[in-house]
C-alpha atoms as a PDB file:
ATOM      1  CA  UNK A   1     102.199  47.239  65.922  1.00  0.00           C
ATOM      2  CA  UNK A   2     104.173  50.285  65.023  1.00  0.00           C
ATOM      3  CA  UNK A   3     107.475  50.567  63.187  1.00  0.00           C
ATOM      4  CA  UNK A   4     107.557  54.058  61.687  1.00  0.00           C
ATOM      5  CA  UNK A   5     110.461  55.043  63.952  1.00  0.00           C
ATOM      6  CA  UNK A   6     113.680  53.126  64.397  1.00  0.00           C
ATOM      7  CA  UNK A   7     113.833  51.826  67.926  1.00  0.00           C
ATOM      8  CA  UNK A   8     116.478  49.782  69.713  1.00  0.00           C
ATOM      9  CA  UNK A   9     116.443  47.576  72.779  1.00  0.00           C
ATOM     10  CA  UNK A  10     119.410  47.963  75.107  1.00  0.00           C
ATOM     11  CA  UNK A  11     119.937  44.834  77.201  1.00  0.00           C
ATOM     12  CA  UNK A  12     122.255  45.183  80.189  1.00  0.00           C
ATOM     13  CA  UNK A  13     123.105  42.225  82.448  1.00  0.00           C
ATOM     14  CA  UNK A  14     124.592  43.089  85.839  1.00  0.00           C
ATOM     15  CA  UNK A  15     124.980  41.617  89.325  1.00  0.00           C
ATOM     16  CA  UNK A  16     121.903  41.653  91.529  1.00  0.00           C
ATOM     17  CA  UNK A  17     121.438  45.072  93.073  1.00  0.00           C
ATOM     18  CA  UNK A  18     122.950  47.004  90.165  1.00  0.00           C
ATOM     19  CA  UNK A  19     119.850  47.201  87.946  1.00  0.00           C
ATOM     20  CA  UNK A  20     118.718  50.499  89.466  1.00  0.00           C
ATOM     21  CA  UNK A  21     122.110  52.040  88.657  1.00  0.00           C
ATOM     22  CA  UNK A  22     121.675  50.992  85.023  1.00  0.00           C
ATOM     23  CA  UNK A  23     118.220  52.586  84.901  1.00  0.00           C
ATOM     24  CA  UNK A  24     119.546  55.817  86.483  1.00  0.00           C
ATOM     25  CA  UNK A  25     122.386  55.990  83.936  1.00  0.00           C
ATOM     26  CA  UNK A  26     120.047  55.408  81.015  1.00  0.00           C
ATOM     27  CA  UNK A  27     117.640  58.054  82.318  1.00  0.00           C
ATOM     28  CA  UNK A  28     120.517  60.553  82.460  1.00  0.00           C
ATOM     29  CA  UNK A  29     120.994  59.831  78.750  1.00  0.00           C
ATOM     30  CA  UNK A  30     117.313  60.337  77.927  1.00  0.00           C
ATOM     31  CA  UNK A  31     115.485  57.081  78.690  1.00  0.00           C
ATOM     32  CA  UNK A  32     112.013  57.302  80.195  1.00  0.00           C
ATOM     33  CA  UNK A  33     112.638  54.192  82.303  1.00  0.00           C
ATOM     34  CA  UNK A  34     113.450  50.519  82.006  1.00  0.00           C
ATOM     35  CA  UNK A  35     112.399  47.039  83.048  1.00  0.00           C
ATOM     36  CA  UNK A  36     114.474  44.978  85.480  1.00  0.00           C
ATOM     37  CA  UNK A  37     114.149  41.195  85.228  1.00  0.00           C
ATOM     38  CA  UNK A  38     115.829  38.739  87.591  1.00  0.00           C
ATOM     39  CA  UNK A  39     118.013  35.954  86.183  1.00  0.00           C
ATOM     40  CA  UNK A  40     120.947  33.744  87.073  1.00  0.00           C
ATOM     41  CA  UNK A  41     124.350  33.254  85.508  1.00  0.00           C
ATOM     42  CA  UNK A  42     125.458  29.940  84.050  1.00  0.00           C
ATOM     43  CA  UNK A  43     128.783  30.907  82.472  1.00  0.00           C
ATOM     44  CA  UNK A  44     132.220  29.398  83.028  1.00  0.00           C
ATOM     45  CA  UNK A  45     133.086  32.002  85.666  1.00  0.00           C
ATOM     46  CA  UNK A  46     129.770  31.536  87.477  1.00  0.00           C
ATOM     47  CA  UNK A  47     130.661  28.162  89.077  1.00  0.00           C
ATOM     48  CA  UNK A  48     131.432  29.262  92.648  1.00  0.00           C
ATOM     49  CA  UNK A  49     131.125  27.093  95.707  1.00  0.00           C
ATOM     50  CA  UNK A  50     130.812  27.778  99.410  1.00  0.00           C
ATOM     51  CA  UNK A  51     131.307  24.847 101.812  1.00  0.00           C
ATOM     52  CA  UNK A  52     130.986  22.500  98.833  1.00  0.00           C
ATOM     53  CA  UNK A  53     127.604  23.902  97.760  1.00  0.00           C
ATOM     54  CA  UNK A  54     127.156  25.504  94.369  1.00  0.00           C
ATOM     55  CA  UNK A  55     126.201  29.181  94.559  1.00  0.00           C
ATOM     56  CA  UNK A  56     124.073  30.309  91.643  1.00  0.00           C
ATOM     57  CA  UNK A  57     124.858  33.976  91.050  1.00  0.00           C
ATOM     58  CA  UNK A  58     121.793  36.146  90.657  1.00  0.00           C
ATOM     59  CA  UNK A  59     121.699  38.726  87.882  1.00  0.00           C
ATOM     60  CA  UNK A  60     119.502  41.630  86.907  1.00  0.00           C
ATOM     61  CA  UNK A  61     118.677  42.087  83.251  1.00  0.00           C
ATOM     62  CA  UNK A  62     117.695  45.640  82.390  1.00  0.00           C
ATOM     63  CA  UNK A  63     115.633  46.184  79.242  1.00  0.00           C
ATOM     64  CA  UNK A  64     115.489  49.713  77.847  1.00  0.00           C
ATOM     65  CA  UNK A  65     113.754  50.796  74.636  1.00  0.00           C
ATOM     66  CA  UNK A  66     115.116  53.929  72.991  1.00  0.00           C
ATOM     67  CA  UNK A  67     115.390  55.585  69.626  1.00  0.00           C
ATOM     68  CA  UNK A  68     118.236  54.076  67.608  1.00  0.00           C
ATOM     69  CA  UNK A  69     119.799  57.517  67.253  1.00  0.00           C
ATOM     70  CA  UNK A  70     120.125  57.766  71.054  1.00  0.00           C
ATOM     71  CA  UNK A  71     121.364  54.209  71.669  1.00  0.00           C
ATOM     72  CA  UNK A  72     125.102  54.984  71.487  1.00  0.00           C
ATOM     73  CA  UNK A  73     124.847  57.819  74.027  1.00  0.00           C
ATOM     74  CA  UNK A  74     122.811  55.610  76.339  1.00  0.00           C
ATOM     75  CA  UNK A  75     125.268  52.704  76.062  1.00  0.00           C
ATOM     76  CA  UNK A  76     128.143  55.070  76.817  1.00  0.00           C
ATOM     77  CA  UNK A  77     126.361  56.471  79.898  1.00  0.00           C
ATOM     78  CA  UNK A  78     125.533  52.985  81.205  1.00  0.00           C
ATOM     79  CA  UNK A  79     129.077  51.693  80.591  1.00  0.00           C
ATOM     80  CA  UNK A  80     130.639  54.687  82.335  1.00  0.00           C
ATOM     81  CA  UNK A  81     128.295  54.903  85.337  1.00  0.00           C
ATOM     82  CA  UNK A  82     128.089  51.155  86.006  1.00  0.00           C
ATOM     83  CA  UNK A  83     131.686  50.326  85.065  1.00  0.00           C
ATOM     84  CA  UNK A  84     130.968  47.695  82.431  1.00  0.00           C
ATOM     85  CA  UNK A  85     134.517  48.090  81.123  1.00  0.00           C
ATOM     86  CA  UNK A  86     135.794  46.294  84.261  1.00  0.00           C
ATOM     87  CA  UNK A  87     135.883  42.472  84.481  1.00  0.00           C
ATOM     88  CA  UNK A  88     132.955  40.888  86.285  1.00  0.00           C
ATOM     89  CA  UNK A  89     130.757  43.992  86.236  1.00  0.00           C
ATOM     90  CA  UNK A  90     128.366  42.831  83.549  1.00  0.00           C
ATOM     91  CA  UNK A  91     127.736  43.135  79.861  1.00  0.00           C
ATOM     92  CA  UNK A  92     125.347  44.768  77.482  1.00  0.00           C
ATOM     93  CA  UNK A  93     124.197  44.660  73.900  1.00  0.00           C
ATOM     94  CA  UNK A  94     121.826  46.492  71.571  1.00  0.00           C
ATOM     95  CA  UNK A  95     119.143  44.861  69.433  1.00  0.00           C
ATOM     96  CA  UNK A  96     117.339  46.647  66.588  1.00  0.00           C
ATOM     97  CA  UNK A  97     113.584  46.350  66.975  1.00  0.00           C
ATOM     98  CA  UNK A  98     111.649  45.537  63.842  1.00  0.00           C
ATOM     99  CA  UNK A  99     108.155  45.913  65.288  1.00  0.00           C
ATOM    100  CA  UNK A 100     106.972  47.201  68.636  1.00  0.00           C
ATOM    101  CA  UNK A 101     103.472  47.000  70.092  1.00  0.00           C
ATOM    102  CA  UNK A 102     101.853  48.256  73.262  1.00  0.00           C
ATOM    103  CA  UNK A 103     104.083  51.326  73.354  1.00  0.00           C
ATOM    104  CA  UNK A 104     101.804  54.081  72.064  1.00  0.00           C
ATOM    105  CA  UNK A 105     102.558  56.187  75.144  1.00  0.00           C
ATOM    106  CA  UNK A 106     106.323  55.939  74.521  1.00  0.00           C
ATOM    107  CA  UNK A 107     106.043  56.997  70.886  1.00  0.00           C
ATOM    108  CA  UNK A 108     103.638  59.755  71.884  1.00  0.00           C
ATOM    109  CA  UNK A 109     106.187  61.195  74.319  1.00  0.00           C
ATOM    110  CA  UNK A 110     109.126  60.786  71.947  1.00  0.00           C
ATOM    111  CA  UNK A 111     107.525  62.269  68.877  1.00  0.00           C
ATOM    112  CA  UNK A 112     104.467  64.210  70.035  1.00  0.00           C
ATOM    113  CA  UNK A 113     102.250  62.130  67.707  1.00  0.00           C
ATOM    114  CA  UNK A 114      99.515  61.580  70.270  1.00  0.00           C
ATOM    115  CA  UNK A 115      96.854  62.208  67.642  1.00  0.00           C
ATOM    116  CA  UNK A 116      97.936  58.969  65.893  1.00  0.00           C
ATOM    117  CA  UNK A 117      96.674  56.858  68.764  1.00  0.00           C
ATOM    118  CA  UNK A 118      93.102  56.089  69.629  1.00  0.00           C
ATOM    119  CA  UNK A 119      93.275  54.208  72.925  1.00  0.00           C
ATOM    120  CA  UNK A 120      89.733  52.956  72.509  1.00  0.00           C
ATOM    121  CA  UNK A 121      88.979  53.710  76.152  1.00  0.00           C
ATOM    122  CA  UNK A 122      85.755  55.468  75.186  1.00  0.00           C
ATOM    123  CA  UNK A 123      84.544  52.198  73.581  1.00  0.00           C
ATOM    124  CA  UNK A 124      85.286  50.048  76.637  1.00  0.00           C
ATOM    125  CA  UNK A 125      82.521  49.205  79.067  1.00  0.00           C
END
């Protein structure tokens, strides 16, 4: 685990099909990428019916790790490009990360501290 640098997780929840737009917006603001996870909405406004059958709205949840110092710029880019200020377009929030593991390559790229990491690949058989 590594916590020398302050990192944040930006979570953006949008309608299915919009996850790629979130990733593109975050990359414009400096992200290296993101993870898109499928989900479904269960909120008050999600109860829609068609011919008497309940339609469960599908969502995409985009997870993006970034430096805390860059989080505001990334949130602004996502909000602007995806239109999160409009009703029904989604929501997002930022979570401070206390400890992060399995991200040596991310920290290496962000801070050029590649010498801190021994991948152990030479020891593997």
